[in-house]
């Protein structure tokens, strides 16, 4: 099963995409004007992985981002769903 959420915000610079799931990491663009701890996506990643799933993001600067995660369906392992 795949769940995704898409926005039409400013997007995430390509050079920062690989780091968005790192603990305490915050985008330089938003860190000074949006409060937060940099823990939300790390926690989401850990929960999804604990349930045998994967999580990721696609983003186009200026067009927005799409965050998605997959979870195995009942009775199937991750490898069987591919």
C-alpha atoms as a PDB file:
ATOM      1  CA  UNK A   1       0.000   0.000   0.000  1.00  0.00           C
ATOM      2  CA  UNK A   2       1.322   3.468  -0.880  1.00  0.00           C
ATOM      3  CA  UNK A   3       0.216   6.705   0.792  1.00  0.00           C
ATOM      4  CA  UNK A   4       1.371  10.103  -0.437  1.00  0.00           C
ATOM      5  CA  UNK A   5       0.891  13.761   0.413  1.00  0.00           C
ATOM      6  CA  UNK A   6       1.685  16.492  -2.107  1.00  0.00           C
ATOM      7  CA  UNK A   7       1.920  20.245  -1.629  1.00  0.00           C
ATOM      8  CA  UNK A   8       2.457  23.227  -3.891  1.00  0.00           C
ATOM      9  CA  UNK A   9       4.978  24.967  -1.643  1.00  0.00           C
ATOM     10  CA  UNK A  10       8.481  26.156  -2.496  1.00  0.00           C
ATOM     11  CA  UNK A  11       9.885  22.634  -2.826  1.00  0.00           C
ATOM     12  CA  UNK A  12      13.134  21.305  -1.413  1.00  0.00           C
ATOM     13  CA  UNK A  13      16.473  22.106  -3.032  1.00  0.00           C
ATOM     14  CA  UNK A  14      17.965  18.983  -4.646  1.00  0.00           C
ATOM     15  CA  UNK A  15      21.147  19.236  -2.570  1.00  0.00           C
ATOM     16  CA  UNK A  16      19.054  18.955   0.627  1.00  0.00           C
ATOM     17  CA  UNK A  17      16.753  16.086  -0.419  1.00  0.00           C
ATOM     18  CA  UNK A  18      19.096  13.344   0.806  1.00  0.00           C
ATOM     19  CA  UNK A  19      19.180  14.872   4.299  1.00  0.00           C
ATOM     20  CA  UNK A  20      15.515  15.599   5.092  1.00  0.00           C
ATOM     21  CA  UNK A  21      15.090  12.373   7.105  1.00  0.00           C
ATOM     22  CA  UNK A  22      18.217  12.971   9.228  1.00  0.00           C
ATOM     23  CA  UNK A  23      17.643  13.605  12.929  1.00  0.00           C
ATOM     24  CA  UNK A  24      17.621  17.348  13.783  1.00  0.00           C
ATOM     25  CA  UNK A  25      18.135  18.385  10.163  1.00  0.00           C
ATOM     26  CA  UNK A  26      16.166  21.433   9.063  1.00  0.00           C
ATOM     27  CA  UNK A  27      16.159  23.133   5.697  1.00  0.00           C
ATOM     28  CA  UNK A  28      18.227  26.295   5.786  1.00  0.00           C
ATOM     29  CA  UNK A  29      15.412  28.205   4.056  1.00  0.00           C
ATOM     30  CA  UNK A  30      12.832  27.485   6.775  1.00  0.00           C
ATOM     31  CA  UNK A  31      14.936  26.993   9.921  1.00  0.00           C
ATOM     32  CA  UNK A  32      15.025  30.695  10.774  1.00  0.00           C
ATOM     33  CA  UNK A  33      11.324  31.449  10.215  1.00  0.00           C
ATOM     34  CA  UNK A  34       9.441  28.239  11.037  1.00  0.00           C
ATOM     35  CA  UNK A  35       9.702  26.755  14.547  1.00  0.00           C
ATOM     36  CA  UNK A  36      10.600  23.096  14.868  1.00  0.00           C
ATOM     37  CA  UNK A  37      13.108  20.538  16.080  1.00  0.00           C
ATOM     38  CA  UNK A  38      13.980  18.625  12.933  1.00  0.00           C
ATOM     39  CA  UNK A  39      12.561  15.429  14.432  1.00  0.00           C
ATOM     40  CA  UNK A  40       9.237  14.982  12.599  1.00  0.00           C
ATOM     41  CA  UNK A  41      10.453  13.249   9.444  1.00  0.00           C
ATOM     42  CA  UNK A  42      12.945  11.155  11.422  1.00  0.00           C
ATOM     43  CA  UNK A  43      10.146   9.894  13.664  1.00  0.00           C
ATOM     44  CA  UNK A  44       7.913   9.211  10.647  1.00  0.00           C
ATOM     45  CA  UNK A  45      10.752   7.251   8.984  1.00  0.00           C
ATOM     46  CA  UNK A  46      11.359   5.171  12.110  1.00  0.00           C
ATOM     47  CA  UNK A  47       7.657   4.323  12.496  1.00  0.00           C
ATOM     48  CA  UNK A  48       7.274   3.345   8.834  1.00  0.00           C
ATOM     49  CA  UNK A  49      10.419   1.189   8.926  1.00  0.00           C
ATOM     50  CA  UNK A  50       9.275  -0.477  12.162  1.00  0.00           C
ATOM     51  CA  UNK A  51       6.212  -1.641  10.242  1.00  0.00           C
ATOM     52  CA  UNK A  52       8.288  -3.005   7.340  1.00  0.00           C
ATOM     53  CA  UNK A  53       7.752  -0.069   5.004  1.00  0.00           C
ATOM     54  CA  UNK A  54       9.737   2.570   3.172  1.00  0.00           C
ATOM     55  CA  UNK A  55       9.447   6.359   3.096  1.00  0.00           C
ATOM     56  CA  UNK A  56      10.665   8.942   0.624  1.00  0.00           C
ATOM     57  CA  UNK A  57      10.246  12.342  -0.958  1.00  0.00           C
ATOM     58  CA  UNK A  58      10.169  13.779  -4.466  1.00  0.00           C
ATOM     59  CA  UNK A  59      10.493  17.523  -4.828  1.00  0.00           C
ATOM     60  CA  UNK A  60      10.812  20.126  -7.524  1.00  0.00           C
ATOM     61  CA  UNK A  61      12.024  23.538  -6.362  1.00  0.00           C
ATOM     62  CA  UNK A  62       9.323  26.096  -7.077  1.00  0.00           C
ATOM     63  CA  UNK A  63       6.633  23.439  -7.641  1.00  0.00           C
ATOM     64  CA  UNK A  64       6.286  21.632  -4.315  1.00  0.00           C
ATOM     65  CA  UNK A  65       7.022  18.278  -2.735  1.00  0.00           C
ATOM     66  CA  UNK A  66       5.466  14.846  -2.464  1.00  0.00           C
ATOM     67  CA  UNK A  67       6.177  12.743   0.609  1.00  0.00           C
ATOM     68  CA  UNK A  68       5.201   9.097   0.386  1.00  0.00           C
ATOM     69  CA  UNK A  69       5.436   5.875   2.309  1.00  0.00           C
ATOM     70  CA  UNK A  70       4.665   2.264   1.599  1.00  0.00           C
ATOM     71  CA  UNK A  71       3.582  -0.429   4.018  1.00  0.00           C
ATOM     72  CA  UNK A  72       3.252  -4.146   3.360  1.00  0.00           C
ATOM     73  CA  UNK A  73      -0.313  -5.391   3.181  1.00  0.00           C
ATOM     74  CA  UNK A  74      -1.510  -8.044   5.621  1.00  0.00           C
ATOM     75  CA  UNK A  75       0.217 -11.364   5.071  1.00  0.00           C
ATOM     76  CA  UNK A  76       2.839 -10.029   2.618  1.00  0.00           C
ATOM     77  CA  UNK A  77       6.452  -9.184   3.253  1.00  0.00           C
ATOM     78  CA  UNK A  78       8.186  -6.185   1.673  1.00  0.00           C
ATOM     79  CA  UNK A  79      10.021  -8.352  -0.900  1.00  0.00           C
ATOM     80  CA  UNK A  80       6.774 -10.005  -2.068  1.00  0.00           C
ATOM     81  CA  UNK A  81       5.115  -6.675  -2.912  1.00  0.00           C
ATOM     82  CA  UNK A  82       7.800  -5.445  -5.312  1.00  0.00           C
END
